[in-house]
Amino acid sequence: MNFTEDQILALAPDDASKKSGKEQANPSKWSNTGIDEKSLWGECQGSGKNPYRTQVDLANIAFKCSCPSRKFPCKHGIGVLLLYCRERTLFTTKDSPAWVKEWMDKREEKAEKKQEKIDKPVDAEAQAKRQQQRLKKIDSGIEELQLLINDIVRNGILNMPEKGPALFTNLTKRMVDAQAQGLAGMVRELAEMNYFKENWQNSFIDQLLRIYITITAFKNKGALNDNFSGEIKNLIGFTQSLEELKQQEGVKDNWFVLGKETVQQEQLFVQRNWLLGINSGQYALVLQFYVRSQLPELNLIPGSVVEAELSFYKAICPYRAIIKNTGKTISPKEISGFENWNALMKFEKEKYIQSPFIFELPFFINAVSLACLENKWFLNDVNNISVPIVCDGNKLHTLLAVSGGKNFSATLIGCEGAYEPIGVFINNNYFII
């Protein structure tokens, strides 16, 4: 396991945990440290009589600690990983103690039971009945949404800054009630849009158009092929059953974790993980959902490479996926991305031709450098072609610091000329931006 400190700190649930985790990465605080093929552990002296027992599942990057903290991972979990990153000689390879072995055995047993539950046959008749009931609710919600879009087109958008946030917040709740979670997310973007930003009208119309073509396609789903219909259903909020996804043939590869982003939607946390298959060249989006005080099922560390098999949801251009199973987590050595901007944009254009429902994609491009012109920042490729980037001050300072004026590989998220850097790969090290 070869993670950088930035990658480890990215696992912390908040800034306070990052700071406390750094403080815990002190050799004087730890005893009985060790490591084996599956786990890493140590005992950290706290304020109590007995030290806190901290352990890490290295395969799935999961944590357990005997401290009373309700954060996951706690500062001791972050601290022991940072300590290993800095002082590997403190962690001798040996058999795990009973308290670590017991926890790891329980995790494996839980994973087996979960697989048994997935393999359990489904009551097809009851499932079909539930689907019909849900379709009725979604159709009703779509009709309401269609009426609102017609009103906006008829009356114009000048009053959106005054009424838009409240209007679309209420409509988001209505889409949730209609069990159209995907549509709810798309409408939520209208509710959270900055209506006092310059050229907000362009972003508003673009998003309104995305919603319109999605609901129009859904109304005509009977005339679409299987993959097209599957993509529309995913956008509306339907998901393929995990049972079906687990059974279909997946893509086995070494997956480079490009980045992740976690957003909170009321009581639910949604984590987006972007991956790139090193051998297949396939990009993937893995979503994880969890509530406060819980950890996502998998902890994917940006900049690491995971041996895994991914199953992709039905779509014209398969992108969203689940991880069927995982193997070792290793450090990247050399990652092949797009050679230049022309290659990236050709790939992007082909995707848009195939599907009008692609609103955002990840990209990994090699050999670029930062360039500034008239106070605007660009990424310049080997052919001296420059493309502007979306980058705030903090990200820009990080980019300048880690690149040092040299060429680097970059992970970008975006579409149609609006690209935001989220990671930099340089000298075999990955930095989260």
Protein backbone atom coordinates (compact mmCIF):
# COMPACT_ATOMS: atom_id res chain seq x y z
CA MET A 1 0.00 0.00 0.00
CA ASN A 2 1.62 3.24 -1.17
CA PHE A 3 -0.63 6.25 -0.56
CA THR A 4 0.42 9.87 -0.30
CA GLU A 5 -0.55 11.97 2.69
CA ASP A 6 -2.98 13.95 0.52
CA GLN A 7 -4.75 10.75 -0.48
CA ILE A 8 -5.04 9.63 3.15
CA LEU A 9 -6.31 13.03 4.32
CA ALA A 10 -8.96 12.89 1.57
CA LEU A 11 -10.57 10.09 3.60
CA ALA A 12 -11.19 12.39 6.57
CA PRO A 13 -14.86 13.37 7.08
CA ASP A 14 -14.02 17.05 7.76
CA ASP A 15 -11.18 19.55 8.18
CA ALA A 16 -11.11 19.10 11.96
CA SER A 17 -10.48 15.38 11.51
CA LYS A 18 -7.66 16.12 9.06
CA LYS A 19 -5.96 18.37 11.61
CA SER A 20 -6.47 15.93 14.49
CA GLY A 21 -5.34 13.01 12.31
CA LYS A 22 -2.04 14.78 11.59
CA GLU A 23 -1.54 15.30 15.32
CA GLN A 24 -2.12 11.60 15.97
CA ALA A 25 0.54 10.56 13.44
CA ASN A 26 3.20 10.73 16.15
CA PRO A 27 5.26 7.59 16.89
CA SER A 28 5.27 8.38 20.62
CA LYS A 29 1.49 7.92 20.74
CA TRP A 30 1.45 4.42 19.24
CA SER A 31 2.36 0.91 20.36
CA ASN A 32 1.81 -2.66 19.11
CA THR A 33 1.70 -1.51 15.49
CA GLY A 34 1.70 -4.12 12.73
CA ILE A 35 0.62 -5.06 9.25
CA ASP A 36 -0.27 -8.15 7.21
CA GLU A 37 -1.66 -8.75 3.72
CA LYS A 38 -5.17 -7.65 4.66
CA SER A 39 -4.95 -5.25 7.58
CA LEU A 40 -2.97 -2.64 9.49
CA TRP A 41 -3.33 -1.88 13.19
CA GLY A 42 -1.98 -0.10 16.24
CA GLU A 43 -2.84 1.00 19.77
CA CYS A 44 -2.98 4.73 20.45
CA GLN A 45 -2.71 6.14 23.95
CA GLY A 46 -5.60 8.50 24.60
CA SER A 47 -6.92 10.21 27.70
CA GLY A 48 -8.26 6.97 29.19
CA LYS A 49 -6.52 4.16 31.03
CA ASN A 50 -6.47 1.77 28.08
CA PRO A 51 -5.15 2.67 24.62
CA TYR A 52 -7.53 2.88 21.69
CA ARG A 53 -7.33 -0.09 19.36
CA THR A 54 -7.33 1.11 15.75
CA GLN A 55 -7.47 -1.14 12.71
CA VAL A 56 -7.71 -0.70 8.94
CA ASP A 57 -8.97 -3.10 6.26
CA LEU A 58 -6.39 -2.46 3.53
CA ALA A 59 -8.32 -4.15 0.72
CA ASN A 60 -11.50 -2.08 1.12
CA ILE A 61 -10.05 0.84 3.13
CA ALA A 62 -12.41 0.47 6.09
CA PHE A 63 -11.74 1.50 9.68
CA LYS A 64 -12.59 0.47 13.22
CA CYS A 65 -11.48 2.10 16.46
CA SER A 66 -12.39 1.58 20.11
CA CYS A 67 -12.49 5.33 20.76
CA PRO A 68 -15.89 7.00 21.44
CA SER A 69 -15.78 9.23 18.34
CA ARG A 70 -18.81 9.08 16.04
CA LYS A 71 -16.81 10.19 13.01
CA PHE A 72 -15.83 7.67 10.36
CA PRO A 73 -12.92 7.40 10.03
CA CYS A 74 -11.92 8.91 13.35
CA LYS A 75 -8.69 10.84 13.94
CA HIS A 76 -6.93 7.66 15.08
CA GLY A 77 -7.79 5.89 11.80
CA ILE A 78 -6.38 8.80 9.81
CA GLY A 79 -3.43 9.03 12.19
CA VAL A 80 -2.36 5.38 11.93
CA LEU A 81 -2.43 5.51 8.12
CA LEU A 82 -0.41 8.74 8.11
CA LEU A 83 2.06 7.19 10.52
CA TYR A 84 2.46 4.17 8.23
CA CYS A 85 2.97 6.51 5.28
CA ARG A 86 5.77 8.33 7.15
CA GLU A 87 7.33 5.59 9.29
CA ARG A 88 6.84 2.20 7.64
CA THR A 89 9.56 0.55 9.68
CA LEU A 90 7.35 0.93 12.76
CA PHE A 91 4.87 -1.55 11.24
CA THR A 92 6.41 -5.01 11.28
CA THR A 93 4.85 -7.76 9.20
CA LYS A 94 3.33 -10.33 11.54
CA ASP A 95 0.17 -12.24 12.36
CA SER A 96 -2.69 -9.97 13.37
CA PRO A 97 -3.79 -9.97 17.03
CA ALA A 98 -7.10 -11.58 18.01
CA TRP A 99 -9.03 -8.29 18.09
CA VAL A 100 -8.02 -7.48 14.50
CA LYS A 101 -8.62 -11.02 13.25
CA GLU A 102 -12.09 -11.09 14.83
CA TRP A 103 -13.06 -7.82 13.10
CA MET A 104 -11.73 -8.95 9.72
CA ASP A 105 -13.52 -12.31 10.01
CA LYS A 106 -16.80 -10.52 10.77
CA ARG A 107 -16.34 -8.30 7.71
CA GLU A 108 -15.79 -11.32 5.48
CA GLU A 109 -18.80 -13.08 6.99
CA LYS A 110 -20.96 -10.00 6.43
CA ALA A 111 -19.82 -9.81 2.80
CA GLU A 112 -20.75 -13.47 2.28
CA LYS A 113 -24.22 -12.97 3.79
CA LYS A 114 -24.74 -9.92 1.58
CA GLN A 115 -23.87 -11.99 -1.48
CA GLU A 116 -26.31 -14.71 -0.35
CA LYS A 117 -29.04 -12.06 -0.07
CA ILE A 118 -28.28 -10.83 -3.59
CA ASP A 119 -28.42 -14.39 -4.92
CA LYS A 120 -31.84 -14.97 -3.31
CA PRO A 121 -34.61 -15.25 -5.95
CA VAL A 122 -36.96 -12.28 -6.33
CA ASP A 123 -40.77 -12.41 -6.32
CA ALA A 124 -41.26 -11.31 -9.93
CA GLU A 125 -45.01 -10.75 -9.64
CA ALA A 126 -44.72 -8.49 -6.57
CA GLN A 127 -41.85 -6.63 -8.19
CA ALA A 128 -43.86 -5.97 -11.37
CA LYS A 129 -46.78 -4.66 -9.29
CA ARG A 130 -44.52 -2.24 -7.45
CA GLN A 131 -43.07 -1.05 -10.76
CA GLN A 132 -46.53 -0.28 -12.14
CA GLN A 133 -47.44 1.72 -9.06
CA ARG A 134 -44.22 3.68 -9.31
CA LEU A 135 -44.73 4.38 -13.02
CA LYS A 136 -48.11 5.96 -12.26
CA LYS A 137 -46.51 8.28 -9.70
CA ILE A 138 -43.69 9.23 -12.07
CA ASP A 139 -46.09 9.92 -14.96
CA SER A 140 -48.08 12.23 -12.69
CA GLY A 141 -44.92 14.07 -11.59
CA ILE A 142 -43.72 14.42 -15.19
CA GLU A 143 -47.04 15.96 -16.26
CA GLU A 144 -46.68 18.57 -13.53
CA LEU A 145 -43.09 19.27 -14.56
CA GLN A 146 -44.09 19.54 -18.23
CA LEU A 147 -46.76 22.14 -17.41
CA LEU A 148 -44.23 24.24 -15.51
CA ILE A 149 -41.72 24.13 -18.38
CA ASN A 150 -44.47 25.21 -20.80
CA ASP A 151 -45.32 28.15 -18.49
CA ILE A 152 -41.67 29.22 -18.28
CA VAL A 153 -41.28 29.13 -22.07
CA ARG A 154 -44.52 31.07 -22.49
CA ASN A 155 -43.84 33.73 -19.84
CA GLY A 156 -40.05 34.10 -20.04
CA ILE A 157 -37.35 33.87 -17.39
CA LEU A 158 -36.86 37.47 -16.25
CA ASN A 159 -38.48 36.81 -12.87
CA MET A 160 -36.47 33.64 -12.14
CA PRO A 161 -34.02 35.37 -9.75
CA GLU A 162 -36.97 36.28 -7.49
CA LYS A 163 -39.09 33.14 -7.69
CA GLY A 164 -36.76 30.43 -9.05
CA PRO A 165 -35.16 29.03 -5.85
CA ALA A 166 -38.43 28.58 -3.95
CA LEU A 167 -40.29 27.37 -7.05
CA PHE A 168 -37.77 24.66 -7.89
CA THR A 169 -37.19 23.64 -4.26
CA ASN A 170 -40.89 22.79 -3.99
CA LEU A 171 -40.81 21.04 -7.36
CA THR A 172 -37.79 18.99 -6.24
CA LYS A 173 -39.82 17.72 -3.29
CA ARG A 174 -42.65 16.88 -5.65
CA MET A 175 -40.31 14.79 -7.83
CA VAL A 176 -39.07 12.97 -4.74
CA ASP A 177 -42.67 12.19 -3.80
CA ALA A 178 -43.21 10.92 -7.34
CA GLN A 179 -40.24 8.54 -6.84
CA ALA A 180 -38.33 10.19 -9.69
CA GLN A 181 -35.06 10.74 -7.83
CA GLY A 182 -33.09 11.44 -10.99
CA LEU A 183 -35.46 14.17 -12.09
CA ALA A 184 -35.41 15.55 -8.54
CA GLY A 185 -31.64 15.95 -8.81
CA MET A 186 -31.93 17.75 -12.13
CA VAL A 187 -34.60 20.13 -10.80
CA ARG A 188 -32.53 20.67 -7.62
CA GLU A 189 -29.78 22.14 -9.80
CA LEU A 190 -32.25 24.84 -10.88
CA ALA A 191 -33.15 25.51 -7.23
CA GLU A 192 -29.48 25.89 -6.24
CA MET A 193 -28.42 27.91 -9.30
CA ASN A 194 -26.83 31.31 -8.70
CA TYR A 195 -29.31 33.62 -10.41
CA PHE A 196 -27.15 36.68 -9.77
CA LYS A 197 -24.12 35.33 -11.61
CA GLU A 198 -23.26 36.76 -14.99
CA ASN A 199 -24.85 34.80 -17.87
CA TRP A 200 -26.97 32.66 -15.53
CA GLN A 201 -29.57 32.59 -18.29
CA ASN A 202 -27.40 30.28 -20.43
CA SER A 203 -26.97 27.76 -17.62
CA PHE A 204 -30.67 27.94 -16.80
CA ILE A 205 -31.82 27.28 -20.36
CA ASP A 206 -29.29 24.46 -20.78
CA GLN A 207 -30.55 22.71 -17.65
CA LEU A 208 -34.19 23.28 -18.58
CA LEU A 209 -33.50 21.74 -21.99
CA ARG A 210 -31.84 18.68 -20.38
CA ILE A 211 -34.92 18.13 -18.26
CA TYR A 212 -37.23 18.59 -21.25
CA ILE A 213 -35.47 16.10 -23.54
CA THR A 214 -35.24 13.60 -20.68
CA ILE A 215 -38.96 13.61 -19.89
CA THR A 216 -39.87 13.69 -23.60
CA ALA A 217 -37.70 10.63 -24.23
CA PHE A 218 -39.22 8.87 -21.22
CA LYS A 219 -42.71 9.40 -22.63
CA ASN A 220 -41.55 7.68 -25.82
CA LYS A 221 -39.60 4.91 -24.08
CA GLY A 222 -41.62 2.20 -25.81
CA ALA A 223 -40.11 3.15 -29.16
CA LEU A 224 -36.49 3.11 -27.90
CA ASN A 225 -33.99 0.28 -28.02
CA ASP A 226 -32.94 -1.49 -24.83
CA ASN A 227 -29.80 0.56 -24.12
CA PHE A 228 -31.47 3.89 -24.96
CA SER A 229 -34.44 3.03 -22.76
CA GLY A 230 -32.11 1.94 -19.97
CA GLU A 231 -30.24 5.25 -20.06
CA ILE A 232 -33.47 7.28 -19.90
CA LYS A 233 -34.75 5.22 -16.97
CA ASN A 234 -31.47 5.81 -15.15
CA LEU A 235 -31.83 9.56 -15.69
CA ILE A 236 -35.39 9.52 -14.36
CA GLY A 237 -34.34 7.61 -11.25
CA PHE A 238 -34.91 3.95 -12.05
CA THR A 239 -31.96 1.71 -11.37
CA GLN A 240 -31.12 -1.73 -12.62
CA SER A 241 -31.40 -4.27 -9.86
CA LEU A 242 -28.15 -5.15 -8.14
CA GLU A 243 -28.99 -8.79 -8.71
CA GLU A 244 -29.07 -8.24 -12.47
CA LEU A 245 -25.88 -6.17 -12.44
CA LYS A 246 -24.04 -8.74 -10.35
CA GLN A 247 -25.00 -11.51 -12.75
CA GLN A 248 -23.97 -9.79 -15.96
CA GLU A 249 -20.40 -10.02 -17.24
CA GLY A 250 -18.26 -7.18 -15.95
CA VAL A 251 -15.10 -5.42 -17.06
CA LYS A 252 -12.03 -6.70 -15.19
CA ASP A 253 -9.24 -4.17 -15.10
CA ASN A 254 -6.85 -2.20 -12.94
CA TRP A 255 -8.96 0.88 -12.23
CA PHE A 256 -7.25 4.20 -11.63
CA VAL A 257 -9.28 6.31 -9.17
CA LEU A 258 -9.36 9.74 -10.82
CA GLY A 259 -11.23 11.57 -8.08
CA LYS A 260 -14.27 11.71 -5.87
CA GLU A 261 -16.83 14.24 -4.72
CA THR A 262 -19.32 14.01 -1.87
CA VAL A 263 -22.43 16.19 -1.68
CA GLN A 264 -25.18 16.24 0.92
CA GLN A 265 -28.81 16.06 -0.16
CA GLU A 266 -30.86 16.61 3.00
CA GLN A 267 -30.02 13.59 5.23
CA LEU A 268 -28.31 11.61 2.48
CA PHE A 269 -24.70 11.82 1.33
CA VAL A 270 -24.00 11.07 -2.33
CA GLN A 271 -20.43 10.18 -3.23
CA ARG A 272 -19.33 10.26 -6.88
CA ASN A 273 -16.20 8.29 -7.75
CA TRP A 274 -14.60 8.63 -11.19
CA LEU A 275 -12.45 5.75 -12.46
CA LEU A 276 -10.36 4.95 -15.55
CA GLY A 277 -9.58 1.40 -16.68
CA ILE A 278 -5.84 1.32 -17.35
CA ASN A 279 -6.06 -1.48 -19.91
CA SER A 280 -9.57 -0.96 -21.30
CA GLY A 281 -9.50 2.84 -21.44
CA GLN A 282 -13.09 2.78 -20.11
CA TYR A 283 -14.26 5.64 -17.90
CA ALA A 284 -16.67 4.83 -15.08
CA LEU A 285 -18.78 6.61 -12.48
CA VAL A 286 -19.44 4.73 -9.24
CA LEU A 287 -22.06 6.26 -6.94
CA GLN A 288 -22.30 5.48 -3.23
CA PHE A 289 -25.09 6.57 -0.89
CA TYR A 290 -24.90 6.71 2.88
CA VAL A 291 -26.20 8.64 5.88
CA ARG A 292 -24.35 10.54 8.59
CA SER A 293 -22.34 8.39 11.03
CA GLN A 294 -21.92 5.72 8.34
CA LEU A 295 -19.08 5.01 5.95
CA PRO A 296 -19.61 4.30 2.26
CA GLU A 297 -19.31 0.62 1.44
CA LEU A 298 -16.03 1.17 -0.41
CA ASN A 299 -13.37 3.78 0.31
CA LEU A 300 -11.81 4.59 -3.04
CA ILE A 301 -8.71 6.75 -2.71
CA PRO A 302 -8.01 9.18 -5.57
CA GLY A 303 -4.67 8.40 -7.15
CA SER A 304 -4.73 4.71 -6.25
CA VAL A 305 -5.20 1.75 -8.59
CA VAL A 306 -7.73 -0.94 -7.63
CA GLU A 307 -7.91 -4.41 -9.11
CA ALA A 308 -11.66 -4.77 -9.66
CA GLU A 309 -14.49 -5.99 -11.85
CA LEU A 310 -17.12 -3.38 -12.75
CA SER A 311 -20.62 -3.99 -14.07
CA PHE A 312 -22.10 -1.15 -16.12
CA TYR A 313 -25.70 0.02 -16.17
CA LYS A 314 -27.53 -0.22 -19.47
CA ALA A 315 -26.85 2.89 -21.54
CA ILE A 316 -25.98 4.00 -25.06
CA CYS A 317 -22.51 4.85 -23.75
CA PRO A 318 -21.99 2.75 -20.59
CA TYR A 319 -20.61 4.98 -17.85
CA ARG A 320 -22.27 4.47 -14.48
CA ALA A 321 -21.21 1.21 -12.85
CA ILE A 322 -21.07 -0.83 -9.66
CA ILE A 323 -18.02 -2.62 -8.34
CA LYS A 324 -18.73 -6.36 -8.33
CA ASN A 325 -15.56 -7.35 -6.52
CA THR A 326 -12.16 -5.92 -5.69
CA GLY A 327 -8.63 -7.19 -5.25
CA LYS A 328 -5.48 -5.42 -4.24
CA THR A 329 -5.05 -1.65 -4.07
CA ILE A 330 -1.75 -0.57 -5.61
CA SER A 331 0.08 2.63 -6.47
CA PRO A 332 0.06 3.91 -10.06
CA LYS A 333 3.27 4.01 -12.08
CA GLU A 334 2.35 5.27 -15.52
CA ILE A 335 -1.16 6.14 -16.67
CA SER A 336 -1.92 6.61 -20.35
CA GLY A 337 -4.44 9.34 -21.12
CA PHE A 338 -5.25 11.53 -24.10
CA GLU A 339 -2.12 12.65 -25.95
CA ASN A 340 -3.46 16.13 -26.69
CA TRP A 341 -6.59 18.28 -26.75
CA ASN A 342 -7.56 17.17 -30.26
CA ALA A 343 -7.68 13.53 -29.15
CA LEU A 344 -9.73 14.45 -26.06
CA MET A 345 -12.26 16.51 -28.00
CA LYS A 346 -12.59 13.86 -30.71
CA PHE A 347 -13.47 11.32 -28.00
CA GLU A 348 -15.92 13.78 -26.44
CA LYS A 349 -17.57 14.56 -29.79
CA GLU A 350 -18.06 10.85 -30.52
CA LYS A 351 -19.79 10.40 -27.15
CA TYR A 352 -22.14 13.32 -27.81
CA ILE A 353 -23.01 11.95 -31.25
CA GLN A 354 -23.93 8.63 -29.66
CA SER A 355 -25.97 10.10 -26.82
CA PRO A 356 -27.56 13.52 -26.23
CA PHE A 357 -27.86 12.73 -22.53
CA ILE A 358 -24.21 13.05 -21.58
CA PHE A 359 -23.94 16.19 -19.50
CA GLU A 360 -20.52 15.70 -17.91
CA LEU A 361 -17.54 13.37 -18.33
CA PRO A 362 -14.14 12.76 -16.73
CA PHE A 363 -11.00 13.03 -18.85
CA PHE A 364 -7.35 12.19 -18.22
CA ILE A 365 -4.89 14.06 -20.43
CA ASN A 366 -1.11 13.71 -20.53
CA ALA A 367 1.68 16.27 -20.97
CA VAL A 368 -0.09 19.57 -20.32
CA SER A 369 1.17 22.73 -18.67
CA LEU A 370 -0.35 25.85 -17.17
CA ALA A 371 -0.47 29.04 -19.21
CA CYS A 372 -1.89 32.47 -18.41
CA LEU A 373 -3.24 35.02 -20.88
CA GLU A 374 -5.02 38.23 -19.91
CA ASN A 375 -5.61 36.94 -16.35
CA LYS A 376 -7.24 33.76 -17.64
CA TRP A 377 -5.70 30.34 -17.11
CA PHE A 378 -5.35 27.60 -19.71
CA LEU A 379 -3.93 24.11 -20.08
CA ASN A 380 -1.47 23.98 -22.95
CA ASP A 381 -0.79 20.61 -24.70
CA VAL A 382 2.22 19.29 -26.64
CA ASN A 383 0.85 20.84 -29.86
CA ASN A 384 0.67 24.24 -28.16
CA ILE A 385 -3.14 24.19 -28.21
CA SER A 386 -4.59 25.95 -25.17
CA VAL A 387 -8.01 25.37 -23.61
CA PRO A 388 -9.39 27.44 -20.71
CA ILE A 389 -10.02 25.75 -17.36
CA VAL A 390 -12.60 26.38 -14.64
CA CYS A 391 -10.50 26.95 -11.56
CA ASP A 392 -10.90 28.99 -8.36
CA GLY A 393 -8.02 30.65 -6.54
CA ASN A 394 -7.28 27.80 -4.13
CA LYS A 395 -7.18 25.19 -6.88
CA LEU A 396 -5.02 27.42 -9.04
CA HIS A 397 -2.49 27.89 -6.25
CA THR A 398 -2.35 24.12 -5.71
CA LEU A 399 -1.90 23.51 -9.44
CA LEU A 400 0.95 26.02 -9.60
CA ALA A 401 2.61 24.57 -6.50
CA VAL A 402 2.56 20.89 -7.51
CA SER A 403 3.41 21.42 -11.19
CA GLY A 404 6.27 23.86 -10.66
CA GLY A 405 6.03 25.02 -14.26
CA LYS A 406 6.60 21.49 -15.60
CA ASN A 407 4.40 19.26 -17.76
CA PHE A 408 1.95 17.03 -15.93
CA SER A 409 -1.04 14.77 -16.49
CA ALA A 410 -4.41 16.08 -15.34
CA THR A 411 -7.82 14.71 -14.44
CA LEU A 412 -10.61 16.99 -15.68
CA ILE A 413 -14.37 16.98 -15.16
CA GLY A 414 -16.60 18.83 -17.59
CA CYS A 415 -17.94 19.12 -21.11
CA GLU A 416 -18.03 21.38 -24.16
CA GLY A 417 -14.96 23.45 -23.38
CA ALA A 418 -15.67 23.89 -19.64
CA TYR A 419 -13.15 21.68 -17.85
CA GLU A 420 -12.37 21.68 -14.13
CA PRO A 421 -9.10 20.08 -12.96
CA ILE A 422 -9.53 17.78 -9.93
CA GLY A 423 -6.22 15.91 -9.91
CA VAL A 424 -2.60 16.13 -11.09
CA PHE A 425 -0.26 13.21 -11.79
CA ILE A 426 3.42 14.16 -11.83
CA ASN A 427 6.60 12.22 -11.02
CA ASN A 428 4.52 9.12 -10.18
CA ASN A 429 2.63 11.05 -7.49
CA TYR A 430 -1.04 12.00 -7.61
CA PHE A 431 -2.22 15.25 -6.05
CA ILE A 432 -5.86 16.02 -5.32
CA ILE A 433 -6.80 19.52 -6.46
